[in-house]
Structures are given as structure tokens and as C-alpha cells.
Amino acid sequence: MVDLNLVQEWFPIYLFLIGLLFGSFANVVIFRLPQGRSVVTPRSACGSCGTPVAWFDNIPVLSWLVLRGKCRKCSAKISFRYPLVEILMAVLFWAVGYKYGLSWTTLELLILTFGLVTVSFIDIDHMILPDSFTLSGIVIGLVGATLSPERDFLPSLYGVLVGGGFLWAVAYFYFALRNQDGMGGGDIKLLGWLGAVLSWTSVPFIILTSSVIGSIAGVSMALFRRSDMKSSIPFGPYLALGAFLYIFAGEEITNWYIDLFIPNR
């Protein structure tokens, strides 16, 4: 007989280990998808000497540490970002399992987490958010709302319309006023995806937090690099960060903010 309490207790740890594996796969997708290459074949190889990576050199985080961040064959450096993505994915998987336990919501949030981490790094590298993730995410979010006993379909549909519609309106008016693009179509679809999974009620929170964090980061980078404020920055990672803040602490942050203005309510 399965002890459900024991399963619940160890569940986040299992997800941490699974997250390491998905983080390793995310590294492959981040590197190959923008190039139009298959993310399944061929097997991973050193970018310098082309030597295929053996299975024992492809263990998430551990192999990078054992090899001291270098290729076993040619000693070329292996970027620290590989274990960083793996650890980030594992920690987020653990956090989702810890907060939401064994539930349909956890399954949906794990899918969302994998997607958000992956597209964030693609956006950082290439300033694109692939339709294969954003549009598929919207469909998966709507299907999940239909099947899930923990969600309703209409709030999910409204999330797509409110999320995507808001950024589309911002982009439209910015272009009308400045005659140049100020918001990428990928960002619009990404917020629609978030609305599909997290419901329309998440959209104002995500927009506000991502805008504040993005503005602070943009100003800081402009000052640090001594560049002008017109430099393009990828907004996808900030939307993803806003989504994670909502997932893990949205209610607490919202209540704290309201209490600043309406204490003792």
C-alpha cells in the first residue's frame, strides 16, 4: 500500500531531480531551436572539436563540475550557463511541487516552467520568442483549463484575450505615435500564453511587476554600459519573472501592496 504522506513529502525532491534532466534538455533546445536544427538528433557534441559527448559527461551539473567546465577531449571551456539552466529548472520544479503538491495544477505549472525558462534564454540570445512555444502554450493552456478539475475554461480564455489584447494595444499605439515597433509579437503571444494558464486575473500583476523590474533593469544596464535608452532589451524574461512571482507569491505581494494604502481593512 502506498503511503500518500510519504509520497507528498518526497514529491518536491523527485521533481528537483526531474528538473535537472529537463534543464539539460532545455539547454539543447535553447541552442538548436533558433538554428532550425532538430532537438532530438544528433547527440550533443563539443562546440570546438565536435567530439560527441559521452553519457557520463552529460550528467546534469555533476559532469560540468567533474570536468571543471572543460571538454574532456580538447579542454575547450563549457559555458557556466549550462549548469545554471539545469539548476534553475530544478529549483523551480522543486518550488512548484513544494507549493502545489500532487495536483493537476502542478502538472500544468511544470509544463509552463519548462517553457518559460527555455524561451527566456532564447529571447536573451536572439531577441525572439518561438511560436512553437508561445502558440502551443496557448493551446495547451486552453486544453488544460478544459480538462482540469481545478480550473475553469472561461477565465483561461479571457486570459488569452486580456493578456494578448493588452500588449497588442500597447504595441499598436506605440507604433502609431512613434512609427516604430516597441513591443514584439512574441511578447504579445507570451502574455496570452500566461493568461491561458494562470487566468486573466494574473495579467495585471504580471504586467505591473514585469514592467517595473524591466524598467529598473533597463535603466541600470544603460547606466552601466553608458548606452542610450533606445537600446532594445528582451522583455520575455521579465514577463516570465513576473509570472513566477505570481505563481509563488502573487497573493502575498498583492495583499502587502493593498495594505500599504488600505491598512486594517
C-alpha atoms as a PDB file:
ATOM      1  CA  MET A   1       0.000   0.000   0.000  1.00  0.00           C
ATOM      2  CA  VAL A   2       1.337   3.427  -0.990  1.00  0.00           C
ATOM      3  CA  ASP A   3       1.863   5.898   1.839  1.00  0.00           C
ATOM      4  CA  LEU A   4       0.483   9.138   0.349  1.00  0.00           C
ATOM      5  CA  ASN A   5       2.018  11.250   3.101  1.00  0.00           C
ATOM      6  CA  LEU A   6       5.462   9.869   2.267  1.00  0.00           C
ATOM      7  CA  VAL A   7       4.878  10.464  -1.431  1.00  0.00           C
ATOM      8  CA  GLN A   8       3.854  14.060  -0.730  1.00  0.00           C
ATOM      9  CA  GLU A   9       6.931  14.576   1.435  1.00  0.00           C
ATOM     10  CA  TRP A  10       9.364  13.311  -1.212  1.00  0.00           C
ATOM     11  CA  PHE A  11       7.466  14.660  -4.210  1.00  0.00           C
ATOM     12  CA  PRO A  12       9.359  18.009  -4.439  1.00  0.00           C
ATOM     13  CA  ILE A  13      12.695  16.167  -4.270  1.00  0.00           C
ATOM     14  CA  TYR A  14      11.656  13.893  -7.135  1.00  0.00           C
ATOM     15  CA  LEU A  15      10.706  16.975  -9.106  1.00  0.00           C
ATOM     16  CA  PHE A  16      14.094  18.559  -8.363  1.00  0.00           C
ATOM     17  CA  LEU A  17      15.843  15.573  -9.954  1.00  0.00           C
ATOM     18  CA  ILE A  18      13.429  15.574 -12.890  1.00  0.00           C
ATOM     19  CA  GLY A  19      14.027  19.308 -13.249  1.00  0.00           C
ATOM     20  CA  LEU A  20      17.753  18.688 -13.678  1.00  0.00           C
ATOM     21  CA  LEU A  21      17.006  16.402 -16.621  1.00  0.00           C
ATOM     22  CA  PHE A  22      14.585  18.859 -18.188  1.00  0.00           C
ATOM     23  CA  GLY A  23      17.121  21.624 -17.648  1.00  0.00           C
ATOM     24  CA  SER A  24      19.667  19.602 -19.610  1.00  0.00           C
ATOM     25  CA  PHE A  25      17.159  19.151 -22.428  1.00  0.00           C
ATOM     26  CA  ALA A  26      16.298  22.860 -22.283  1.00  0.00           C
ATOM     27  CA  ASN A  27      19.962  23.657 -22.990  1.00  0.00           C
ATOM     28  CA  VAL A  28      19.720  21.637 -26.198  1.00  0.00           C
ATOM     29  CA  VAL A  29      16.509  23.410 -27.234  1.00  0.00           C
ATOM     30  CA  ILE A  30      17.931  26.858 -26.416  1.00  0.00           C
ATOM     31  CA  PHE A  31      20.951  26.214 -28.609  1.00  0.00           C
ATOM     32  CA  ARG A  32      19.394  24.330 -31.537  1.00  0.00           C
ATOM     33  CA  LEU A  33      15.842  25.598 -31.985  1.00  0.00           C
ATOM     34  CA  PRO A  34      16.777  29.126 -33.195  1.00  0.00           C
ATOM     35  CA  GLN A  35      19.079  27.460 -35.756  1.00  0.00           C
ATOM     36  CA  GLY A  36      16.247  25.338 -37.110  1.00  0.00           C
ATOM     37  CA  ARG A  37      18.001  22.137 -36.045  1.00  0.00           C
ATOM     38  CA  SER A  38      16.466  19.012 -34.560  1.00  0.00           C
ATOM     39  CA  VAL A  39      16.445  18.982 -30.773  1.00  0.00           C
ATOM     40  CA  VAL A  40      16.488  15.185 -30.736  1.00  0.00           C
ATOM     41  CA  THR A  41      19.310  14.194 -33.081  1.00  0.00           C
ATOM     42  CA  PRO A  42      22.260  14.133 -33.399  1.00  0.00           C
ATOM     43  CA  ARG A  43      23.583  13.643 -29.879  1.00  0.00           C
ATOM     44  CA  SER A  44      25.304  16.524 -28.121  1.00  0.00           C
ATOM     45  CA  ALA A  45      28.882  17.285 -29.145  1.00  0.00           C
ATOM     46  CA  CYS A  46      31.653  19.703 -28.178  1.00  0.00           C
ATOM     47  CA  GLY A  47      31.232  23.000 -29.993  1.00  0.00           C
ATOM     48  CA  SER A  48      35.002  23.296 -30.502  1.00  0.00           C
ATOM     49  CA  CYS A  49      36.285  19.856 -31.519  1.00  0.00           C
ATOM     50  CA  GLY A  50      32.983  18.214 -32.496  1.00  0.00           C
ATOM     51  CA  THR A  51      33.546  15.159 -30.283  1.00  0.00           C
ATOM     52  CA  PRO A  52      30.214  13.582 -29.230  1.00  0.00           C
ATOM     53  CA  VAL A  53      29.564  13.949 -25.504  1.00  0.00           C
ATOM     54  CA  ALA A  54      29.582  10.601 -23.706  1.00  0.00           C
ATOM     55  CA  TRP A  55      26.653   9.811 -21.420  1.00  0.00           C
ATOM     56  CA  PHE A  56      28.848  10.061 -18.307  1.00  0.00           C
ATOM     57  CA  ASP A  57      29.897  13.563 -19.385  1.00  0.00           C
ATOM     58  CA  ASN A  58      26.289  14.592 -19.863  1.00  0.00           C
ATOM     59  CA  ILE A  59      25.001  14.196 -16.307  1.00  0.00           C
ATOM     60  CA  PRO A  60      23.342  17.491 -15.305  1.00  0.00           C
ATOM     61  CA  VAL A  61      25.564  19.781 -13.202  1.00  0.00           C
ATOM     62  CA  LEU A  62      27.728  16.908 -11.912  1.00  0.00           C
ATOM     63  CA  SER A  63      29.559  16.325 -15.205  1.00  0.00           C
ATOM     64  CA  TRP A  64      30.306  20.044 -15.562  1.00  0.00           C
ATOM     65  CA  LEU A  65      31.792  20.080 -12.065  1.00  0.00           C
ATOM     66  CA  VAL A  66      33.849  16.914 -12.608  1.00  0.00           C
ATOM     67  CA  LEU A  67      35.196  18.239 -15.918  1.00  0.00           C
ATOM     68  CA  ARG A  68      35.756  21.671 -14.334  1.00  0.00           C
ATOM     69  CA  GLY A  69      33.793  23.275 -17.141  1.00  0.00           C
ATOM     70  CA  LYS A  70      36.009  21.930 -19.924  1.00  0.00           C
ATOM     71  CA  CYS A  71      35.670  19.434 -22.777  1.00  0.00           C
ATOM     72  CA  ARG A  72      37.293  16.099 -21.912  1.00  0.00           C
ATOM     73  CA  LYS A  73      38.811  15.844 -25.408  1.00  0.00           C
ATOM     74  CA  CYS A  74      40.113  19.337 -26.262  1.00  0.00           C
ATOM     75  CA  SER A  75      39.792  21.189 -22.928  1.00  0.00           C
ATOM     76  CA  ALA A  76      37.684  23.933 -24.537  1.00  0.00           C
ATOM     77  CA  LYS A  77      35.622  25.847 -21.996  1.00  0.00           C
ATOM     78  CA  ILE A  78      31.999  24.815 -21.450  1.00  0.00           C
ATOM     79  CA  SER A  79      29.806  27.781 -20.549  1.00  0.00           C
ATOM     80  CA  PHE A  80      28.655  28.088 -16.943  1.00  0.00           C
ATOM     81  CA  ARG A  81      25.192  28.742 -18.306  1.00  0.00           C
ATOM     82  CA  TYR A  82      24.659  25.028 -18.926  1.00  0.00           C
ATOM     83  CA  PRO A  83      24.632  24.072 -15.233  1.00  0.00           C
ATOM     84  CA  LEU A  84      22.906  27.384 -14.431  1.00  0.00           C
ATOM     85  CA  VAL A  85      19.901  26.469 -16.587  1.00  0.00           C
ATOM     86  CA  GLU A  86      19.834  22.967 -15.102  1.00  0.00           C
ATOM     87  CA  ILE A  87      19.913  24.236 -11.514  1.00  0.00           C
ATOM     88  CA  LEU A  88      17.353  26.965 -12.240  1.00  0.00           C
ATOM     89  CA  MET A  89      14.961  24.449 -13.778  1.00  0.00           C
ATOM     90  CA  ALA A  90      15.456  22.008 -10.886  1.00  0.00           C
ATOM     91  CA  VAL A  91      14.841  24.655  -8.220  1.00  0.00           C
ATOM     92  CA  LEU A  92      11.695  25.905  -9.952  1.00  0.00           C
ATOM     93  CA  PHE A  93      10.383  22.341 -10.362  1.00  0.00           C
ATOM     94  CA  TRP A  94      11.050  21.754  -6.657  1.00  0.00           C
ATOM     95  CA  ALA A  95       9.292  25.004  -5.709  1.00  0.00           C
ATOM     96  CA  VAL A  96       6.206  24.173  -7.774  1.00  0.00           C
ATOM     97  CA  GLY A  97       5.983  20.714  -6.191  1.00  0.00           C
ATOM     98  CA  TYR A  98       6.517  22.119  -2.708  1.00  0.00           C
ATOM     99  CA  LYS A  99       3.814  24.774  -3.047  1.00  0.00           C
ATOM    100  CA  TYR A 100       1.156  22.902  -5.012  1.00  0.00           C
ATOM    101  CA  GLY A 101       1.803  19.236  -4.159  1.00  0.00           C
ATOM    102  CA  LEU A 102       0.335  16.362  -6.144  1.00  0.00           C
ATOM    103  CA  SER A 103      -2.212  18.138  -8.301  1.00  0.00           C
ATOM    104  CA  TRP A 104      -3.271  18.904 -11.836  1.00  0.00           C
ATOM    105  CA  THR A 105      -2.110  22.477 -11.246  1.00  0.00           C
ATOM    106  CA  THR A 106       1.403  21.215 -10.570  1.00  0.00           C
ATOM    107  CA  LEU A 107       1.487  19.367 -13.897  1.00  0.00           C
ATOM    108  CA  GLU A 108       0.379  22.470 -15.782  1.00  0.00           C
ATOM    109  CA  LEU A 109       2.850  24.702 -13.958  1.00  0.00           C
ATOM    110  CA  LEU A 110       5.732  22.301 -14.638  1.00  0.00           C
ATOM    111  CA  ILE A 111       4.978  22.468 -18.360  1.00  0.00           C
ATOM    112  CA  LEU A 112       4.782  26.257 -18.112  1.00  0.00           C
ATOM    113  CA  THR A 113       8.035  26.410 -16.135  1.00  0.00           C
ATOM    114  CA  PHE A 114       9.960  24.408 -18.715  1.00  0.00           C
ATOM    115  CA  GLY A 115       8.618  26.639 -21.460  1.00  0.00           C
ATOM    116  CA  LEU A 116       9.293  29.932 -19.683  1.00  0.00           C
ATOM    117  CA  VAL A 117      12.882  29.101 -18.761  1.00  0.00           C
ATOM    118  CA  THR A 118      13.620  27.881 -22.281  1.00  0.00           C
ATOM    119  CA  VAL A 119      12.107  30.817 -24.174  1.00  0.00           C
ATOM    120  CA  SER A 120      13.630  33.332 -21.749  1.00  0.00           C
ATOM    121  CA  PHE A 121      17.155  32.261 -22.630  1.00  0.00           C
ATOM    122  CA  ILE A 122      16.289  32.099 -26.335  1.00  0.00           C
ATOM    123  CA  ASP A 123      14.977  35.654 -26.065  1.00  0.00           C
ATOM    124  CA  ILE A 124      18.162  36.780 -24.318  1.00  0.00           C
ATOM    125  CA  ASP A 125      20.307  35.238 -27.061  1.00  0.00           C
ATOM    126  CA  HIS A 126      18.268  36.029 -30.165  1.00  0.00           C
ATOM    127  CA  MET A 127      15.509  38.521 -29.226  1.00  0.00           C
ATOM    128  CA  ILE A 128      12.840  36.050 -30.356  1.00  0.00           C
ATOM    129  CA  LEU A 129      10.108  34.057 -28.641  1.00  0.00           C
ATOM    130  CA  PRO A 130       9.410  30.993 -30.822  1.00  0.00           C
ATOM    131  CA  ASP A 131       5.811  30.421 -31.922  1.00  0.00           C
ATOM    132  CA  SER A 132       6.381  26.719 -31.329  1.00  0.00           C
ATOM    133  CA  PHE A 133       6.331  27.559 -27.615  1.00  0.00           C
ATOM    134  CA  THR A 134       4.036  30.578 -27.312  1.00  0.00           C
ATOM    135  CA  LEU A 135       1.220  29.482 -29.619  1.00  0.00           C
ATOM    136  CA  SER A 136       1.468  25.869 -28.476  1.00  0.00           C
ATOM    137  CA  GLY A 137       1.426  27.140 -24.892  1.00  0.00           C
ATOM    138  CA  ILE A 138      -1.844  28.987 -25.512  1.00  0.00           C
ATOM    139  CA  VAL A 139      -3.428  25.820 -26.924  1.00  0.00           C
ATOM    140  CA  ILE A 140      -2.104  23.655 -24.080  1.00  0.00           C
ATOM    141  CA  GLY A 141      -3.329  26.206 -21.550  1.00  0.00           C
ATOM    142  CA  LEU A 142      -6.845  26.228 -23.009  1.00  0.00           C
ATOM    143  CA  VAL A 143      -6.943  22.436 -23.251  1.00  0.00           C
ATOM    144  CA  GLY A 144      -5.678  22.202 -19.673  1.00  0.00           C
ATOM    145  CA  ALA A 145      -8.456  24.518 -18.491  1.00  0.00           C
ATOM    146  CA  THR A 146     -10.981  22.275 -20.239  1.00  0.00           C
ATOM    147  CA  LEU A 147      -9.659  19.074 -18.663  1.00  0.00           C
ATOM    148  CA  SER A 148      -8.575  20.307 -15.241  1.00  0.00           C
ATOM    149  CA  PRO A 149     -10.964  19.879 -12.299  1.00  0.00           C
ATOM    150  CA  GLU A 150      -9.106  22.745 -10.636  1.00  0.00           C
ATOM    151  CA  ARG A 151      -9.704  25.397 -13.326  1.00  0.00           C
ATOM    152  CA  ASP A 152     -12.499  26.802 -15.484  1.00  0.00           C
ATOM    153  CA  PHE A 153     -12.298  27.395 -19.220  1.00  0.00           C
ATOM    154  CA  LEU A 154     -13.689  30.932 -19.448  1.00  0.00           C
ATOM    155  CA  PRO A 155     -11.122  32.600 -17.142  1.00  0.00           C
ATOM    156  CA  SER A 156      -8.439  30.910 -19.235  1.00  0.00           C
ATOM    157  CA  LEU A 157      -9.957  32.173 -22.489  1.00  0.00           C
ATOM    158  CA  TYR A 158     -10.309  35.657 -21.028  1.00  0.00           C
ATOM    159  CA  GLY A 159      -6.653  35.406 -20.006  1.00  0.00           C
ATOM    160  CA  VAL A 160      -5.629  34.925 -23.637  1.00  0.00           C
ATOM    161  CA  LEU A 161      -7.789  37.821 -24.792  1.00  0.00           C
ATOM    162  CA  VAL A 162      -6.858  40.210 -21.969  1.00  0.00           C
ATOM    163  CA  GLY A 163      -3.161  39.322 -21.932  1.00  0.00           C
ATOM    164  CA  GLY A 164      -2.558  39.263 -25.656  1.00  0.00           C
ATOM    165  CA  GLY A 165      -5.008  42.087 -26.282  1.00  0.00           C
ATOM    166  CA  PHE A 166      -3.393  44.460 -23.798  1.00  0.00           C
ATOM    167  CA  LEU A 167       0.109  44.153 -25.215  1.00  0.00           C
ATOM    168  CA  TRP A 168      -1.249  44.274 -28.765  1.00  0.00           C
ATOM    169  CA  ALA A 169      -2.939  47.600 -27.917  1.00  0.00           C
ATOM    170  CA  VAL A 170       0.296  48.919 -26.378  1.00  0.00           C
ATOM    171  CA  ALA A 171       2.261  47.895 -29.457  1.00  0.00           C
ATOM    172  CA  TYR A 172      -0.344  49.407 -31.796  1.00  0.00           C
ATOM    173  CA  PHE A 173      -0.458  52.808 -30.099  1.00  0.00           C
ATOM    174  CA  TYR A 174       3.323  52.924 -29.709  1.00  0.00           C
ATOM    175  CA  PHE A 175       3.735  52.308 -33.425  1.00  0.00           C
ATOM    176  CA  ALA A 176       1.062  54.912 -34.224  1.00  0.00           C
ATOM    177  CA  LEU A 177       2.834  57.527 -32.095  1.00  0.00           C
ATOM    178  CA  ARG A 178       6.480  56.723 -32.840  1.00  0.00           C
ATOM    179  CA  ASN A 179       6.215  54.940 -36.197  1.00  0.00           C
ATOM    180  CA  GLN A 180       8.431  52.144 -34.915  1.00  0.00           C
ATOM    181  CA  ASP A 181       7.893  48.832 -33.169  1.00  0.00           C
ATOM    182  CA  GLY A 182       8.050  48.990 -29.394  1.00  0.00           C
ATOM    183  CA  MET A 183       6.723  45.554 -28.496  1.00  0.00           C
ATOM    184  CA  GLY A 184       7.448  42.308 -30.284  1.00  0.00           C
ATOM    185  CA  GLY A 185       4.708  39.955 -31.411  1.00  0.00           C
ATOM    186  CA  GLY A 186       6.333  37.223 -29.361  1.00  0.00           C
ATOM    187  CA  ASP A 187       5.755  39.187 -26.154  1.00  0.00           C
ATOM    188  CA  ILE A 188       2.079  39.547 -27.049  1.00  0.00           C
ATOM    189  CA  LYS A 189       1.712  35.802 -27.576  1.00  0.00           C
ATOM    190  CA  LEU A 190       3.725  35.059 -24.436  1.00  0.00           C
ATOM    191  CA  LEU A 191       1.371  37.098 -22.258  1.00  0.00           C
ATOM    192  CA  GLY A 192      -1.572  35.379 -23.948  1.00  0.00           C
ATOM    193  CA  TRP A 193       0.044  32.049 -23.029  1.00  0.00           C
ATOM    194  CA  LEU A 194       0.443  33.150 -19.412  1.00  0.00           C
ATOM    195  CA  GLY A 195      -3.167  34.271 -19.310  1.00  0.00           C
ATOM    196  CA  ALA A 196      -4.295  30.910 -20.696  1.00  0.00           C
ATOM    197  CA  VAL A 197      -2.530  29.010 -17.915  1.00  0.00           C
ATOM    198  CA  LEU A 198      -2.785  31.442 -14.983  1.00  0.00           C
ATOM    199  CA  SER A 199      -6.187  33.034 -15.836  1.00  0.00           C
ATOM    200  CA  TRP A 200      -6.986  36.642 -16.676  1.00  0.00           C
ATOM    201  CA  THR A 201      -6.646  37.641 -13.008  1.00  0.00           C
ATOM    202  CA  SER A 202      -2.877  37.129 -13.254  1.00  0.00           C
ATOM    203  CA  VAL A 203      -2.433  39.527 -16.158  1.00  0.00           C
ATOM    204  CA  PRO A 204      -2.457  42.899 -14.289  1.00  0.00           C
ATOM    205  CA  PHE A 205       0.016  41.563 -11.728  1.00  0.00           C
ATOM    206  CA  ILE A 206       2.368  40.174 -14.383  1.00  0.00           C
ATOM    207  CA  ILE A 207       2.238  43.361 -16.462  1.00  0.00           C
ATOM    208  CA  LEU A 208       2.923  45.599 -13.451  1.00  0.00           C
ATOM    209  CA  THR A 209       5.757  43.561 -11.939  1.00  0.00           C
ATOM    210  CA  SER A 210       7.463  42.802 -15.247  1.00  0.00           C
ATOM    211  CA  SER A 211       7.269  46.473 -16.295  1.00  0.00           C
ATOM    212  CA  VAL A 212       8.747  47.700 -13.010  1.00  0.00           C
ATOM    213  CA  ILE A 213      11.538  45.114 -12.982  1.00  0.00           C
ATOM    214  CA  GLY A 214      12.216  45.596 -16.688  1.00  0.00           C
ATOM    215  CA  SER A 215      12.404  49.372 -16.307  1.00  0.00           C
ATOM    216  CA  ILE A 216      14.828  49.135 -13.396  1.00  0.00           C
ATOM    217  CA  ALA A 217      16.971  46.609 -15.260  1.00  0.00           C
ATOM    218  CA  GLY A 218      16.884  48.675 -18.465  1.00  0.00           C
ATOM    219  CA  VAL A 219      17.957  51.876 -16.727  1.00  0.00           C
ATOM    220  CA  SER A 220      20.671  50.016 -14.806  1.00  0.00           C
ATOM    221  CA  MET A 221      22.087  48.438 -17.964  1.00  0.00           C
ATOM    222  CA  ALA A 222      22.004  51.770 -19.800  1.00  0.00           C
ATOM    223  CA  LEU A 223      23.944  53.445 -16.998  1.00  0.00           C
ATOM    224  CA  PHE A 224      26.378  50.561 -16.626  1.00  0.00           C
ATOM    225  CA  ARG A 225      27.066  50.276 -20.339  1.00  0.00           C
ATOM    226  CA  ARG A 226      26.751  54.039 -20.892  1.00  0.00           C
ATOM    227  CA  SER A 227      24.363  53.404 -23.761  1.00  0.00           C
ATOM    228  CA  ASP A 228      21.224  55.306 -24.695  1.00  0.00           C
ATOM    229  CA  MET A 229      17.737  54.396 -23.527  1.00  0.00           C
ATOM    230  CA  LYS A 230      16.685  53.395 -27.048  1.00  0.00           C
ATOM    231  CA  SER A 231      18.647  50.141 -26.937  1.00  0.00           C
ATOM    232  CA  SER A 232      16.429  47.096 -27.402  1.00  0.00           C
ATOM    233  CA  ILE A 233      16.133  44.686 -24.495  1.00  0.00           C
ATOM    234  CA  PRO A 234      14.303  41.338 -24.488  1.00  0.00           C
ATOM    235  CA  PHE A 235      11.089  41.680 -22.480  1.00  0.00           C
ATOM    236  CA  GLY A 236      10.226  37.969 -22.418  1.00  0.00           C
ATOM    237  CA  PRO A 237      12.414  37.164 -19.379  1.00  0.00           C
ATOM    238  CA  TYR A 238      10.733  39.934 -17.381  1.00  0.00           C
ATOM    239  CA  LEU A 239       7.276  38.613 -18.257  1.00  0.00           C
ATOM    240  CA  ALA A 240       8.472  35.170 -17.159  1.00  0.00           C
ATOM    241  CA  LEU A 241       9.813  36.609 -13.901  1.00  0.00           C
ATOM    242  CA  GLY A 242       6.505  38.364 -13.281  1.00  0.00           C
ATOM    243  CA  ALA A 243       4.710  35.063 -13.892  1.00  0.00           C
ATOM    244  CA  PHE A 244       6.904  33.222 -11.389  1.00  0.00           C
ATOM    245  CA  LEU A 245       6.331  35.938  -8.798  1.00  0.00           C
ATOM    246  CA  TYR A 246       2.600  35.479  -9.330  1.00  0.00           C
ATOM    247  CA  ILE A 247       2.843  31.676  -9.108  1.00  0.00           C
ATOM    248  CA  PHE A 248       4.823  31.630  -5.873  1.00  0.00           C
ATOM    249  CA  ALA A 249       3.856  34.824  -4.070  1.00  0.00           C
ATOM    250  CA  GLY A 250       1.182  36.654  -6.049  1.00  0.00           C
ATOM    251  CA  GLU A 251      -1.431  36.713  -3.310  1.00  0.00           C
ATOM    252  CA  GLU A 252       1.052  37.717  -0.616  1.00  0.00           C
ATOM    253  CA  ILE A 253       2.543  40.546  -2.703  1.00  0.00           C
ATOM    254  CA  THR A 254      -0.907  41.810  -3.712  1.00  0.00           C
ATOM    255  CA  ASN A 255      -2.125  41.868  -0.098  1.00  0.00           C
ATOM    256  CA  TRP A 256       1.060  43.640   1.014  1.00  0.00           C
ATOM    257  CA  TYR A 257       0.587  46.288  -1.676  1.00  0.00           C
ATOM    258  CA  ILE A 258      -3.063  46.864  -0.792  1.00  0.00           C
ATOM    259  CA  ASP A 259      -2.246  47.118   2.911  1.00  0.00           C
ATOM    260  CA  LEU A 260       0.151  49.981   2.152  1.00  0.00           C
ATOM    261  CA  PHE A 261      -2.804  52.087   1.074  1.00  0.00           C
ATOM    262  CA  ILE A 262      -5.681  50.489   2.979  1.00  0.00           C
ATOM    263  CA  PRO A 263      -4.308  49.353   6.350  1.00  0.00           C
ATOM    264  CA  ASN A 264      -6.522  47.485   8.792  1.00  0.00           C
ATOM    265  CA  ARG A 265      -9.003  46.644   6.056  1.00  0.00           C
END
